[in-house]
PDB file of all heavy atoms in Angstrom:
ATOM      1  N   LEU A   1      77.831 138.283 105.278  1.00  0.00           N
ATOM      2  CA  LEU A   1      78.747 137.198 104.924  1.00  0.00           C
ATOM      3  C   LEU A   1      78.106 135.811 105.029  1.00  0.00           C
ATOM      4  O   LEU A   1      78.795 134.799 104.892  1.00  0.00           O
ATOM      5  CB  LEU A   1      79.998 137.247 105.820  1.00  0.00           C
ATOM      6  CG  LEU A   1      80.848 138.513 105.709  1.00  0.00           C
ATOM      7  CD1 LEU A   1      81.991 138.466 106.702  1.00  0.00           C
ATOM      8  CD2 LEU A   1      81.378 138.684 104.296  1.00  0.00           C
ATOM      9  N   LYS A   2      76.809 135.756 105.270  1.00  0.00           N
ATOM     10  CA  LYS A   2      76.108 134.467 105.426  1.00  0.00           C
ATOM     11  C   LYS A   2      76.295 133.569 104.204  1.00  0.00           C
ATOM     12  O   LYS A   2      76.408 132.357 104.333  1.00  0.00           O
ATOM     13  CB  LYS A   2      74.616 134.692 105.660  1.00  0.00           C
ATOM     14  CG  LYS A   2      74.287 135.236 107.009  1.00  0.00           C
ATOM     15  CD  LYS A   2      73.941 134.115 107.932  1.00  0.00           C
ATOM     16  CE  LYS A   2      73.414 134.732 109.226  1.00  0.00           C
ATOM     17  NZ  LYS A   2      73.611 133.900 110.346  1.00  0.00           N
ATOM     18  N   HIS A   3      76.342 134.160 103.016  1.00  0.00           N
ATOM     19  CA  HIS A   3      76.442 133.372 101.779  1.00  0.00           C
ATOM     20  C   HIS A   3      77.762 132.606 101.672  1.00  0.00           C
ATOM     21  O   HIS A   3      77.898 131.671 100.890  1.00  0.00           O
ATOM     22  CB  HIS A   3      76.262 134.278 100.559  1.00  0.00           C
ATOM     23  CG  HIS A   3      77.377 135.270 100.374  1.00  0.00           C
ATOM     24  ND1 HIS A   3      77.486 136.420 101.156  1.00  0.00           N
ATOM     25  CD2 HIS A   3      78.433 135.267  99.534  1.00  0.00           C
ATOM     26  CE1 HIS A   3      78.562 137.088 100.781  1.00  0.00           C
ATOM     27  NE2 HIS A   3      79.157 136.418  99.788  1.00  0.00           N
ATOM     28  N   LEU A   4      78.769 132.975 102.473  1.00  0.00           N
ATOM     29  CA  LEU A   4      80.067 132.294 102.435  1.00  0.00           C
ATOM     30  C   LEU A   4      80.100 131.012 103.275  1.00  0.00           C
ATOM     31  O   LEU A   4      81.057 130.239 103.177  1.00  0.00           O
ATOM     32  CB  LEU A   4      81.168 133.248 102.911  1.00  0.00           C
ATOM     33  CG  LEU A   4      81.419 134.479 102.043  1.00  0.00           C
ATOM     34  CD1 LEU A   4      82.467 135.378 102.685  1.00  0.00           C
ATOM     35  CD2 LEU A   4      81.863 134.055 100.642  1.00  0.00           C
ATOM     36  N   ASN A   5      79.080 130.800 104.091  1.00  0.00           N
ATOM     37  CA  ASN A   5      79.008 129.609 104.957  1.00  0.00           C
ATOM     38  C   ASN A   5      80.266 129.435 105.802  1.00  0.00           C
ATOM     39  O   ASN A   5      80.799 128.328 105.943  1.00  0.00           O
ATOM     40  CB  ASN A   5      78.779 128.341 104.123  1.00  0.00           C
ATOM     41  CG  ASN A   5      77.430 128.331 103.460  1.00  0.00           C
ATOM     42  OD1 ASN A   5      76.439 128.767 104.057  1.00  0.00           O
ATOM     43  ND2 ASN A   5      77.376 127.861 102.234  1.00  0.00           N
ATOM     44  N   LEU A   6      80.754 130.527 106.387  1.00  0.00           N
ATOM     45  CA  LEU A   6      81.990 130.480 107.166  1.00  0.00           C
ATOM     46  C   LEU A   6      81.864 129.584 108.398  1.00  0.00           C
ATOM     47  O   LEU A   6      82.814 128.903 108.773  1.00  0.00           O
ATOM     48  CB  LEU A   6      82.416 131.886 107.573  1.00  0.00           C
ATOM     49  CG  LEU A   6      82.864 132.785 106.422  1.00  0.00           C
ATOM     50  CD1 LEU A   6      83.152 134.188 106.922  1.00  0.00           C
ATOM     51  CD2 LEU A   6      84.080 132.206 105.736  1.00  0.00           C
ATOM     52  N   ARG A   7      80.704 129.574 109.022  1.00  0.00           N
ATOM     53  CA  ARG A   7      80.545 128.721 110.203  1.00  0.00           C
ATOM     54  C   ARG A   7      80.620 127.247 109.837  1.00  0.00           C
ATOM     55  O   ARG A   7      81.081 126.439 110.628  1.00  0.00           O
ATOM     56  CB  ARG A   7      79.236 129.035 110.905  1.00  0.00           C
ATOM     57  CG  ARG A   7      79.307 130.335 111.676  1.00  0.00           C
ATOM     58  CD  ARG A   7      78.191 130.466 112.649  1.00  0.00           C
ATOM     59  NE  ARG A   7      78.495 131.529 113.591  1.00  0.00           N
ATOM     60  CZ  ARG A   7      77.731 131.858 114.596  1.00  0.00           C
ATOM     61  NH1 ARG A   7      76.611 131.217 114.805  1.00  0.00           N
ATOM     62  NH2 ARG A   7      78.089 132.815 115.409  1.00  0.00           N
ATOM     63  N   LYS A   8      80.178 126.916 108.639  1.00  0.00           N
ATOM     64  CA  LYS A   8      80.225 125.523 108.188  1.00  0.00           C
ATOM     65  C   LYS A   8      81.672 125.042 108.086  1.00  0.00           C
ATOM     66  O   LYS A   8      81.967 123.881 108.342  1.00  0.00           O
ATOM     67  CB  LYS A   8      79.518 125.405 106.839  1.00  0.00           C
ATOM     68  CG  LYS A   8      79.538 124.018 106.254  1.00  0.00           C
ATOM     69  CD  LYS A   8      78.814 123.993 104.919  1.00  0.00           C
ATOM     70  CE  LYS A   8      78.900 122.631 104.271  1.00  0.00           C
ATOM     71  NZ  LYS A   8      78.254 122.610 102.956  1.00  0.00           N
ATOM     72  N   TRP A   9      82.602 125.942 107.720  1.00  0.00           N
ATOM     73  CA  TRP A   9      83.997 125.564 107.499  1.00  0.00           C
ATOM     74  C   TRP A   9      84.934 126.024 108.603  1.00  0.00           C
ATOM     75  O   TRP A   9      86.145 125.823 108.511  1.00  0.00           O
ATOM     76  CB  TRP A   9      84.472 126.117 106.151  1.00  0.00           C
ATOM     77  CG  TRP A   9      83.679 125.547 105.035  1.00  0.00           C
ATOM     78  CD1 TRP A   9      82.695 126.168 104.322  1.00  0.00           C
ATOM     79  CD2 TRP A   9      83.754 124.211 104.537  1.00  0.00           C
ATOM     80  NE1 TRP A   9      82.161 125.315 103.401  1.00  0.00           N
ATOM     81  CE2 TRP A   9      82.800 124.086 103.514  1.00  0.00           C
ATOM     82  CE3 TRP A   9      84.526 123.102 104.847  1.00  0.00           C
ATOM     83  CZ2 TRP A   9      82.600 122.917 102.808  1.00  0.00           C
ATOM     84  CZ3 TRP A   9      84.336 121.934 104.142  1.00  0.00           C
ATOM     85  CH2 TRP A   9      83.384 121.853 103.132  1.00  0.00           C
ATOM     86  N   ALA A  10      84.435 126.614 109.669  1.00  0.00           N
ATOM     87  CA  ALA A  10      85.286 127.131 110.746  1.00  0.00           C
ATOM     88  C   ALA A  10      86.113 126.027 111.394  1.00  0.00           C
ATOM     89  O   ALA A  10      87.241 126.254 111.821  1.00  0.00           O
ATOM     90  CB  ALA A  10      84.433 127.835 111.794  1.00  0.00           C
ATOM     91  N   HIS A  11      85.587 124.820 111.462  1.00  0.00           N
ATOM     92  CA  HIS A  11      86.309 123.713 112.101  1.00  0.00           C
ATOM     93  C   HIS A  11      87.547 123.286 111.310  1.00  0.00           C
ATOM     94  O   HIS A  11      88.400 122.584 111.826  1.00  0.00           O
ATOM     95  CB  HIS A  11      85.374 122.521 112.280  1.00  0.00           C
ATOM     96  CG  HIS A  11      84.975 121.884 110.983  1.00  0.00           C
ATOM     97  ND1 HIS A  11      84.004 122.438 110.162  1.00  0.00           N
ATOM     98  CD2 HIS A  11      85.426 120.779 110.361  1.00  0.00           C
ATOM     99  CE1 HIS A  11      83.886 121.672 109.081  1.00  0.00           C
ATOM    100  NE2 HIS A  11      84.731 120.662 109.177  1.00  0.00           N
ATOM    101  N   MET A  12      87.659 123.692 110.050  1.00  0.00           N
ATOM    102  CA  MET A  12      88.785 123.294 109.213  1.00  0.00           C
ATOM    103  C   MET A  12      90.004 124.198 109.393  1.00  0.00           C
ATOM    104  O   MET A  12      91.092 123.840 108.965  1.00  0.00           O
ATOM    105  CB  MET A  12      88.392 123.311 107.733  1.00  0.00           C
ATOM    106  CG  MET A  12      87.416 122.244 107.332  1.00  0.00           C
ATOM    107  SD  MET A  12      88.132 120.594 107.400  1.00  0.00           S
ATOM    108  CE  MET A  12      89.311 120.681 106.069  1.00  0.00           C
ATOM    109  N   LEU A  13      89.863 125.345 110.028  1.00  0.00           N
ATOM    110  CA  LEU A  13      90.989 126.256 110.174  1.00  0.00           C
ATOM    111  C   LEU A  13      92.059 125.617 111.045  1.00  0.00           C
ATOM    112  O   LEU A  13      91.802 125.148 112.139  1.00  0.00           O
ATOM    113  CB  LEU A  13      90.530 127.573 110.794  1.00  0.00           C
ATOM    114  CG  LEU A  13      89.584 128.381 109.917  1.00  0.00           C
ATOM    115  CD1 LEU A  13      89.105 129.610 110.657  1.00  0.00           C
ATOM    116  CD2 LEU A  13      90.265 128.770 108.622  1.00  0.00           C
ATOM    117  N   GLY A  14      93.289 125.557 110.551  1.00  0.00           N
ATOM    118  CA  GLY A  14      94.395 124.975 111.287  1.00  0.00           C
ATOM    119  C   GLY A  14      94.475 123.468 111.186  1.00  0.00           C
ATOM    120  O   GLY A  14      95.372 122.856 111.745  1.00  0.00           O
ATOM    121  N   PHE A  15      93.563 122.836 110.460  1.00  0.00           N
ATOM    122  CA  PHE A  15      93.577 121.375 110.328  1.00  0.00           C
ATOM    123  C   PHE A  15      94.669 120.970 109.367  1.00  0.00           C
ATOM    124  O   PHE A  15      94.743 121.453 108.262  1.00  0.00           O
ATOM    125  CB  PHE A  15      92.207 120.898 109.825  1.00  0.00           C
ATOM    126  CG  PHE A  15      92.128 119.410 109.650  1.00  0.00           C
ATOM    127  CD1 PHE A  15      92.193 118.570 110.751  1.00  0.00           C
ATOM    128  CD2 PHE A  15      92.005 118.849 108.399  1.00  0.00           C
ATOM    129  CE1 PHE A  15      92.114 117.201 110.597  1.00  0.00           C
ATOM    130  CE2 PHE A  15      91.928 117.480 108.232  1.00  0.00           C
ATOM    131  CZ  PHE A  15      91.977 116.660 109.338  1.00  0.00           C
ATOM    132  N   ARG A  16      95.562 120.039 109.804  1.00  0.00           N
ATOM    133  CA  ARG A  16      96.695 119.650 108.978  1.00  0.00           C
ATOM    134  C   ARG A  16      96.575 118.209 108.483  1.00  0.00           C
ATOM    135  O   ARG A  16      97.535 117.632 108.021  1.00  0.00           O
ATOM    136  CB  ARG A  16      97.981 119.825 109.764  1.00  0.00           C
ATOM    137  CG  ARG A  16      98.247 121.280 110.110  1.00  0.00           C
ATOM    138  CD  ARG A  16      99.500 121.395 110.924  1.00  0.00           C
ATOM    139  NE  ARG A  16     100.623 120.805 110.222  1.00  0.00           N
ATOM    140  CZ  ARG A  16     101.648 121.471 109.746  1.00  0.00           C
ATOM    141  NH1 ARG A  16     101.689 122.760 109.899  1.00  0.00           N
ATOM    142  NH2 ARG A  16     102.639 120.864 109.141  1.00  0.00           N
ATOM    143  N   GLY A  17      95.410 117.618 108.580  1.00  0.00           N
ATOM    144  CA  GLY A  17      95.232 116.243 108.139  1.00  0.00           C
ATOM    145  C   GLY A  17      94.781 116.188 106.691  1.00  0.00           C
ATOM    146  O   GLY A  17      95.028 117.093 105.905  1.00  0.00           O
ATOM    147  N   HIS A  18      94.084 115.125 106.349  1.00  0.00           N
ATOM    148  CA  HIS A  18      93.571 114.982 104.994  1.00  0.00           C
ATOM    149  C   HIS A  18      92.421 115.961 104.783  1.00  0.00           C
ATOM    150  O   HIS A  18      91.525 116.057 105.593  1.00  0.00           O
ATOM    151  CB  HIS A  18      93.062 113.558 104.755  1.00  0.00           C
ATOM    152  CG  HIS A  18      94.159 112.565 104.630  1.00  0.00           C
ATOM    153  ND1 HIS A  18      95.015 112.539 103.557  1.00  0.00           N
ATOM    154  CD2 HIS A  18      94.550 111.572 105.451  1.00  0.00           C
ATOM    155  CE1 HIS A  18      95.883 111.574 103.723  1.00  0.00           C
ATOM    156  NE2 HIS A  18      95.628 110.970 104.861  1.00  0.00           N
ATOM    157  N   PHE A  19      92.450 116.636 103.679  1.00  0.00           N
ATOM    158  CA  PHE A  19      91.398 117.595 103.369  1.00  0.00           C
ATOM    159  C   PHE A  19      90.270 116.943 102.593  1.00  0.00           C
ATOM    160  O   PHE A  19      89.187 117.471 102.500  1.00  0.00           O
ATOM    161  CB  PHE A  19      91.967 118.754 102.543  1.00  0.00           C
ATOM    162  CG  PHE A  19      92.487 118.293 101.217  1.00  0.00           C
ATOM    163  CD1 PHE A  19      91.659 118.280 100.115  1.00  0.00           C
ATOM    164  CD2 PHE A  19      93.776 117.823 101.087  1.00  0.00           C
ATOM    165  CE1 PHE A  19      92.123 117.833  98.887  1.00  0.00           C
ATOM    166  CE2 PHE A  19      94.246 117.380  99.872  1.00  0.00           C
ATOM    167  CZ  PHE A  19      93.414 117.374  98.776  1.00  0.00           C
ATOM    168  N   SER A  20      90.558 115.806 102.006  1.00  0.00           N
ATOM    169  CA  SER A  20      89.576 115.191 101.126  1.00  0.00           C
ATOM    170  C   SER A  20      88.821 114.080 101.838  1.00  0.00           C
ATOM    171  O   SER A  20      89.198 113.638 102.909  1.00  0.00           O
ATOM    172  CB  SER A  20      90.265 114.638  99.875  1.00  0.00           C
ATOM    173  OG  SER A  20      91.140 113.595 100.250  1.00  0.00           O
ATOM    174  N   THR A  21      87.803 113.613 101.194  1.00  0.00           N
ATOM    175  CA  THR A  21      86.973 112.574 101.770  1.00  0.00           C
ATOM    176  C   THR A  21      87.682 111.229 101.742  1.00  0.00           C
ATOM    177  O   THR A  21      88.553 110.985 100.918  1.00  0.00           O
ATOM    178  CB  THR A  21      85.638 112.478 101.014  1.00  0.00           C
ATOM    179  OG1 THR A  21      84.852 111.497 101.666  1.00  0.00           O
ATOM    180  CG2 THR A  21      85.828 112.086  99.578  1.00  0.00           C
ATOM    181  N   LYS A  22      87.300 110.361 102.642  1.00  0.00           N
ATOM    182  CA  LYS A  22      87.838 109.006 102.657  1.00  0.00           C
ATOM    183  C   LYS A  22      86.701 108.003 102.455  1.00  0.00           C
ATOM    184  O   LYS A  22      86.866 106.828 102.710  1.00  0.00           O
ATOM    185  CB  LYS A  22      88.535 108.729 103.985  1.00  0.00           C
ATOM    186  CG  LYS A  22      89.807 109.506 104.166  1.00  0.00           C
ATOM    187  CD  LYS A  22      90.486 109.073 105.433  1.00  0.00           C
ATOM    188  CE  LYS A  22      91.791 109.797 105.596  1.00  0.00           C
ATOM    189  NZ  LYS A  22      92.531 109.355 106.757  1.00  0.00           N
ATOM    190  N   THR A  23      85.570 108.467 102.006  1.00  0.00           N
ATOM    191  CA  THR A  23      84.427 107.578 101.844  1.00  0.00           C
ATOM    192  C   THR A  23      84.595 106.679 100.633  1.00  0.00           C
ATOM    193  O   THR A  23      85.187 107.053  99.630  1.00  0.00           O
ATOM    194  CB  THR A  23      83.120 108.379 101.730  1.00  0.00           C
ATOM    195  OG1 THR A  23      82.052 107.473 101.584  1.00  0.00           O
ATOM    196  CG2 THR A  23      83.119 109.309 100.535  1.00  0.00           C
ATOM    197  N   ARG A  24      84.078 105.470 100.715  1.00  0.00           N
ATOM    198  CA  ARG A  24      84.133 104.536  99.596  1.00  0.00           C
ATOM    199  C   ARG A  24      83.057 104.854  98.562  1.00  0.00           C
ATOM    200  O   ARG A  24      83.119 104.382  97.438  1.00  0.00           O
ATOM    201  CB  ARG A  24      83.971 103.105 100.104  1.00  0.00           C
ATOM    202  CG  ARG A  24      85.095 102.681 101.007  1.00  0.00           C
ATOM    203  CD  ARG A  24      84.915 101.231 101.432  1.00  0.00           C
ATOM    204  NE  ARG A  24      85.737 100.874 102.554  1.00  0.00           N
ATOM    205  CZ  ARG A  24      87.029 100.584 102.480  1.00  0.00           C
ATOM    206  NH1 ARG A  24      87.641 100.622 101.335  1.00  0.00           N
ATOM    207  NH2 ARG A  24      87.703 100.262 103.547  1.00  0.00           N
ATOM    208  N   ALA A  25      82.066 105.635  98.943  1.00  0.00           N
ATOM    209  CA  ALA A  25      80.978 105.959  98.030  1.00  0.00           C
ATOM    210  C   ALA A  25      81.303 107.167  97.147  1.00  0.00           C
ATOM    211  O   ALA A  25      80.567 107.459  96.225  1.00  0.00           O
ATOM    212  CB  ALA A  25      79.704 106.236  98.826  1.00  0.00           C
ATOM    213  N   TYR A  26      82.368 107.867  97.444  1.00  0.00           N
ATOM    214  CA  TYR A  26      82.738 109.024  96.650  1.00  0.00           C
ATOM    215  C   TYR A  26      83.357 108.549  95.332  1.00  0.00           C
ATOM    216  O   TYR A  26      83.499 107.360  95.088  1.00  0.00           O
ATOM    217  CB  TYR A  26      83.713 109.897  97.451  1.00  0.00           C
ATOM    218  CG  TYR A  26      83.889 111.283  96.909  1.00  0.00           C
ATOM    219  CD1 TYR A  26      82.821 112.160  96.825  1.00  0.00           C
ATOM    220  CD2 TYR A  26      85.127 111.724  96.478  1.00  0.00           C
ATOM    221  CE1 TYR A  26      82.978 113.436  96.331  1.00  0.00           C
ATOM    222  CE2 TYR A  26      85.307 112.998  95.989  1.00  0.00           C
ATOM    223  CZ  TYR A  26      84.223 113.849  95.913  1.00  0.00           C
ATOM    224  OH  TYR A  26      84.389 115.103  95.409  1.00  0.00           O
ATOM    225  N   SER A  27      83.781 109.449  94.482  1.00  0.00           N
ATOM    226  CA  SER A  27      84.255 109.066  93.157  1.00  0.00           C
ATOM    227  C   SER A  27      85.485 108.169  93.211  1.00  0.00           C
ATOM    228  O   SER A  27      85.651 107.295  92.385  1.00  0.00           O
ATOM    229  CB  SER A  27      84.558 110.316  92.332  1.00  0.00           C
ATOM    230  OG  SER A  27      85.610 111.045  92.936  1.00  0.00           O
ATOM    231  N   THR A  28      86.354 108.393  94.170  1.00  0.00           N
ATOM    232  CA  THR A  28      87.533 107.534  94.329  1.00  0.00           C
ATOM    233  C   THR A  28      87.974 107.592  95.783  1.00  0.00           C
ATOM    234  O   THR A  28      87.513 108.437  96.540  1.00  0.00           O
ATOM    235  CB  THR A  28      88.676 107.975  93.395  1.00  0.00           C
ATOM    236  OG1 THR A  28      89.710 107.003  93.450  1.00  0.00           O
ATOM    237  CG2 THR A  28      89.229 109.327  93.786  1.00  0.00           C
ATOM    238  N   THR A  29      88.859 106.716  96.161  1.00  0.00           N
ATOM    239  CA  THR A  29      89.378 106.722  97.524  1.00  0.00           C
ATOM    240  C   THR A  29      90.867 107.033  97.476  1.00  0.00           C
ATOM    241  O   THR A  29      91.509 106.924  96.427  1.00  0.00           O
ATOM    242  CB  THR A  29      89.182 105.353  98.201  1.00  0.00           C
ATOM    243  OG1 THR A  29      89.904 104.368  97.463  1.00  0.00           O
ATOM    244  CG2 THR A  29      87.709 104.987  98.271  1.00  0.00           C
ATOM    245  N   LEU A  30      91.412 107.407  98.609  1.00  0.00           N
ATOM    246  CA  LEU A  30      92.841 107.686  98.660  1.00  0.00           C
ATOM    247  C   LEU A  30      93.635 106.420  98.368  1.00  0.00           C
ATOM    248  O   LEU A  30      94.702 106.474  97.745  1.00  0.00           O
ATOM    249  CB  LEU A  30      93.213 108.259 100.023  1.00  0.00           C
ATOM    250  CG  LEU A  30      92.568 109.608 100.354  1.00  0.00           C
ATOM    251  CD1 LEU A  30      92.933 110.040 101.759  1.00  0.00           C
ATOM    252  CD2 LEU A  30      92.986 110.659  99.361  1.00  0.00           C
ATOM    253  N   GLY A  31      93.144 105.269  98.782  1.00  0.00           N
ATOM    254  CA  GLY A  31      93.806 104.003  98.488  1.00  0.00           C
ATOM    255  C   GLY A  31      93.859 103.728  96.993  1.00  0.00           C
ATOM    256  O   GLY A  31      94.863 103.245  96.470  1.00  0.00           O
ATOM    257  N   ALA A  32      92.772 104.039  96.293  1.00  0.00           N
ATOM    258  CA  ALA A  32      92.744 103.840  94.841  1.00  0.00           C
ATOM    259  C   ALA A  32      93.737 104.779  94.149  1.00  0.00           C
ATOM    260  O   ALA A  32      94.406 104.389  93.185  1.00  0.00           O
ATOM    261  CB  ALA A  32      91.336 104.065  94.304  1.00  0.00           C
ATOM    262  N   LEU A  33      93.838 106.000  94.639  1.00  0.00           N
ATOM    263  CA  LEU A  33      94.808 106.936  94.065  1.00  0.00           C
ATOM    264  C   LEU A  33      96.232 106.454  94.297  1.00  0.00           C
ATOM    265  O   LEU A  33      97.072 106.518  93.400  1.00  0.00           O
ATOM    266  CB  LEU A  33      94.622 108.327  94.666  1.00  0.00           C
ATOM    267  CG  LEU A  33      93.324 109.045  94.281  1.00  0.00           C
ATOM    268  CD1 LEU A  33      93.204 110.347  95.070  1.00  0.00           C
ATOM    269  CD2 LEU A  33      93.277 109.306  92.803  1.00  0.00           C
ATOM    270  N   ARG A  34      96.518 105.955  95.519  1.00  0.00           N
ATOM    271  CA  ARG A  34      97.863 105.425  95.796  1.00  0.00           C
ATOM    272  C   ARG A  34      98.173 104.236  94.902  1.00  0.00           C
ATOM    273  O   ARG A  34      99.285 104.101  94.391  1.00  0.00           O
ATOM    274  CB  ARG A  34      97.972 105.018  97.266  1.00  0.00           C
ATOM    275  CG  ARG A  34      98.225 106.186  98.205  1.00  0.00           C
ATOM    276  CD  ARG A  34      98.588 105.710  99.590  1.00  0.00           C
ATOM    277  NE  ARG A  34      97.522 104.960 100.234  1.00  0.00           N
ATOM    278  CZ  ARG A  34      96.538 105.498 100.935  1.00  0.00           C
ATOM    279  NH1 ARG A  34      96.499 106.801 101.105  1.00  0.00           N
ATOM    280  NH2 ARG A  34      95.616 104.743 101.482  1.00  0.00           N
ATOM    281  N   ALA A  35      97.200 103.346  94.711  1.00  0.00           N
ATOM    282  CA  ALA A  35      97.406 102.171  93.860  1.00  0.00           C
ATOM    283  C   ALA A  35      97.673 102.585  92.412  1.00  0.00           C
ATOM    284  O   ALA A  35      98.537 102.009  91.738  1.00  0.00           O
ATOM    285  CB  ALA A  35      96.195 101.252  93.936  1.00  0.00           C
ATOM    286  N   ALA A  36      96.953 103.591  91.921  1.00  0.00           N
ATOM    287  CA  ALA A  36      97.159 104.063  90.548  1.00  0.00           C
ATOM    288  C   ALA A  36      98.547 104.675  90.394  1.00  0.00           C
ATOM    289  O   ALA A  36      99.230 104.446  89.392  1.00  0.00           O
ATOM    290  CB  ALA A  36      96.079 105.081  90.179  1.00  0.00           C
ATOM    291  N   ARG A  37      98.996 105.455  91.390  1.00  0.00           N
ATOM    292  CA  ARG A  37     100.337 106.035  91.328  1.00  0.00           C
ATOM    293  C   ARG A  37     101.403 104.954  91.352  1.00  0.00           C
ATOM    294  O   ARG A  37     102.398 105.028  90.619  1.00  0.00           O
ATOM    295  CB  ARG A  37     100.551 107.013  92.486  1.00  0.00           C
ATOM    296  CG  ARG A  37      99.891 108.362  92.275  1.00  0.00           C
ATOM    297  CD  ARG A  37     100.399 109.384  93.274  1.00  0.00           C
ATOM    298  NE  ARG A  37     100.156 109.010  94.649  1.00  0.00           N
ATOM    299  CZ  ARG A  37      99.062 109.317  95.337  1.00  0.00           C
ATOM    300  NH1 ARG A  37      98.103 110.010  94.765  1.00  0.00           N
ATOM    301  NH2 ARG A  37      98.933 108.949  96.588  1.00  0.00           N
ATOM    302  N   ALA A  38     101.223 103.928  92.189  1.00  0.00           N
ATOM    303  CA  ALA A  38     102.200 102.834  92.268  1.00  0.00           C
ATOM    304  C   ALA A  38     102.257 102.065  90.954  1.00  0.00           C
ATOM    305  O   ALA A  38     103.344 101.703  90.482  1.00  0.00           O
ATOM    306  CB  ALA A  38     101.847 101.898  93.417  1.00  0.00           C
ATOM    307  N   ALA A  39     101.104 101.814  90.336  1.00  0.00           N
ATOM    308  CA  ALA A  39     101.078 101.103  89.049  1.00  0.00           C
ATOM    309  C   ALA A  39     101.775 101.928  87.970  1.00  0.00           C
ATOM    310  O   ALA A  39     102.543 101.395  87.167  1.00  0.00           O
ATOM    311  CB  ALA A  39      99.634 100.806  88.638  1.00  0.00           C
ATOM    312  N   TRP A  40     101.534 103.228  87.940  1.00  0.00           N
ATOM    313  CA  TRP A  40     102.199 104.092  86.968  1.00  0.00           C
ATOM    314  C   TRP A  40     103.704 104.051  87.176  1.00  0.00           C
ATOM    315  O   TRP A  40     104.479 103.964  86.230  1.00  0.00           O
ATOM    316  CB  TRP A  40     101.677 105.523  87.107  1.00  0.00           C
ATOM    317  CG  TRP A  40     102.240 106.442  86.064  1.00  0.00           C
ATOM    318  CD1 TRP A  40     101.706 106.735  84.850  1.00  0.00           C
ATOM    319  CD2 TRP A  40     103.481 107.169  86.137  1.00  0.00           C
ATOM    320  NE1 TRP A  40     102.523 107.598  84.165  1.00  0.00           N
ATOM    321  CE2 TRP A  40     103.624 107.879  84.942  1.00  0.00           C
ATOM    322  CE3 TRP A  40     104.467 107.284  87.104  1.00  0.00           C
ATOM    323  CZ2 TRP A  40     104.711 108.703  84.677  1.00  0.00           C
ATOM    324  CZ3 TRP A  40     105.562 108.093  86.841  1.00  0.00           C
ATOM    325  CH2 TRP A  40     105.675 108.791  85.642  1.00  0.00           C
ATOM    326  N   HIS A  41     104.132 104.120  88.431  1.00  0.00           N
ATOM    327  CA  HIS A  41     105.561 104.107  88.737  1.00  0.00           C
ATOM    328  C   HIS A  41     106.197 102.791  88.294  1.00  0.00           C
ATOM    329  O   HIS A  41     107.297 102.786  87.748  1.00  0.00           O
ATOM    330  CB  HIS A  41     105.766 104.326  90.236  1.00  0.00           C
ATOM    331  CG  HIS A  41     107.198 104.544  90.600  1.00  0.00           C
ATOM    332  ND1 HIS A  41     108.080 103.521  90.787  1.00  0.00           N
ATOM    333  CD2 HIS A  41     107.898 105.687  90.792  1.00  0.00           C
ATOM    334  CE1 HIS A  41     109.271 104.006  91.089  1.00  0.00           C
ATOM    335  NE2 HIS A  41     109.184 105.320  91.098  1.00  0.00           N
ATOM    336  N   ARG A  42     105.511 101.671  88.513  1.00  0.00           N
ATOM    337  CA  ARG A  42     106.043 100.370  88.080  1.00  0.00           C
ATOM    338  C   ARG A  42     106.184 100.309  86.565  1.00  0.00           C
ATOM    339  O   ARG A  42     107.160  99.774  86.045  1.00  0.00           O
ATOM    340  CB  ARG A  42     105.142  99.236  88.572  1.00  0.00           C
ATOM    341  CG  ARG A  42     105.362  98.877  90.034  1.00  0.00           C
ATOM    342  CD  ARG A  42     104.650  97.584  90.393  1.00  0.00           C
ATOM    343  NE  ARG A  42     103.210  97.640  90.164  1.00  0.00           N
ATOM    344  CZ  ARG A  42     102.323  98.088  91.058  1.00  0.00           C
ATOM    345  NH1 ARG A  42     102.729  98.510  92.234  1.00  0.00           N
ATOM    346  NH2 ARG A  42     101.042  98.102  90.768  1.00  0.00           N
ATOM    347  N   ARG A  43     105.207 100.873  85.830  1.00  0.00           N
ATOM    348  CA  ARG A  43     105.256 100.846  84.359  1.00  0.00           C
ATOM    349  C   ARG A  43     106.365 101.719  83.813  1.00  0.00           C
ATOM    350  O   ARG A  43     106.911 101.452  82.747  1.00  0.00           O
ATOM    351  CB  ARG A  43     103.919 101.301  83.776  1.00  0.00           C
ATOM    352  CG  ARG A  43     102.816 100.278  83.853  1.00  0.00           C
ATOM    353  CD  ARG A  43     101.617 100.681  83.002  1.00  0.00           C
ATOM    354  NE  ARG A  43     101.141 102.035  83.242  1.00  0.00           N
ATOM    355  CZ  ARG A  43     100.222 102.370  84.145  1.00  0.00           C
ATOM    356  NH1 ARG A  43      99.673 101.438  84.908  1.00  0.00           N
ATOM    357  NH2 ARG A  43      99.842 103.615  84.288  1.00  0.00           N
ATOM    358  N   HIS A  44     106.697 102.812  84.506  1.00  0.00           N
ATOM    359  CA  HIS A  44     107.649 103.787  83.984  1.00  0.00           C
ATOM    360  C   HIS A  44     109.021 103.709  84.642  1.00  0.00           C
ATOM    361  O   HIS A  44     109.846 104.595  84.450  1.00  0.00           O
ATOM    362  CB  HIS A  44     107.078 105.203  84.137  1.00  0.00           C
ATOM    363  CG  HIS A  44     105.889 105.424  83.270  1.00  0.00           C
ATOM    364  ND1 HIS A  44     104.605 105.134  83.674  1.00  0.00           N
ATOM    365  CD2 HIS A  44     105.782 105.879  81.996  1.00  0.00           C
ATOM    366  CE1 HIS A  44     103.768 105.418  82.700  1.00  0.00           C
ATOM    367  NE2 HIS A  44     104.456 105.871  81.667  1.00  0.00           N
TER     368      HIS A  44
END
């Protein structure tokens, strides 16, 4: 089962927080997603 990298992800079991990254260097941030949703809601 080494190819599944289970030890790499063992710390995530039972985690109920954010699953995604919060880095500013990634493709987008959670703040940017919230802002886009709010803008869409205002337009519609």
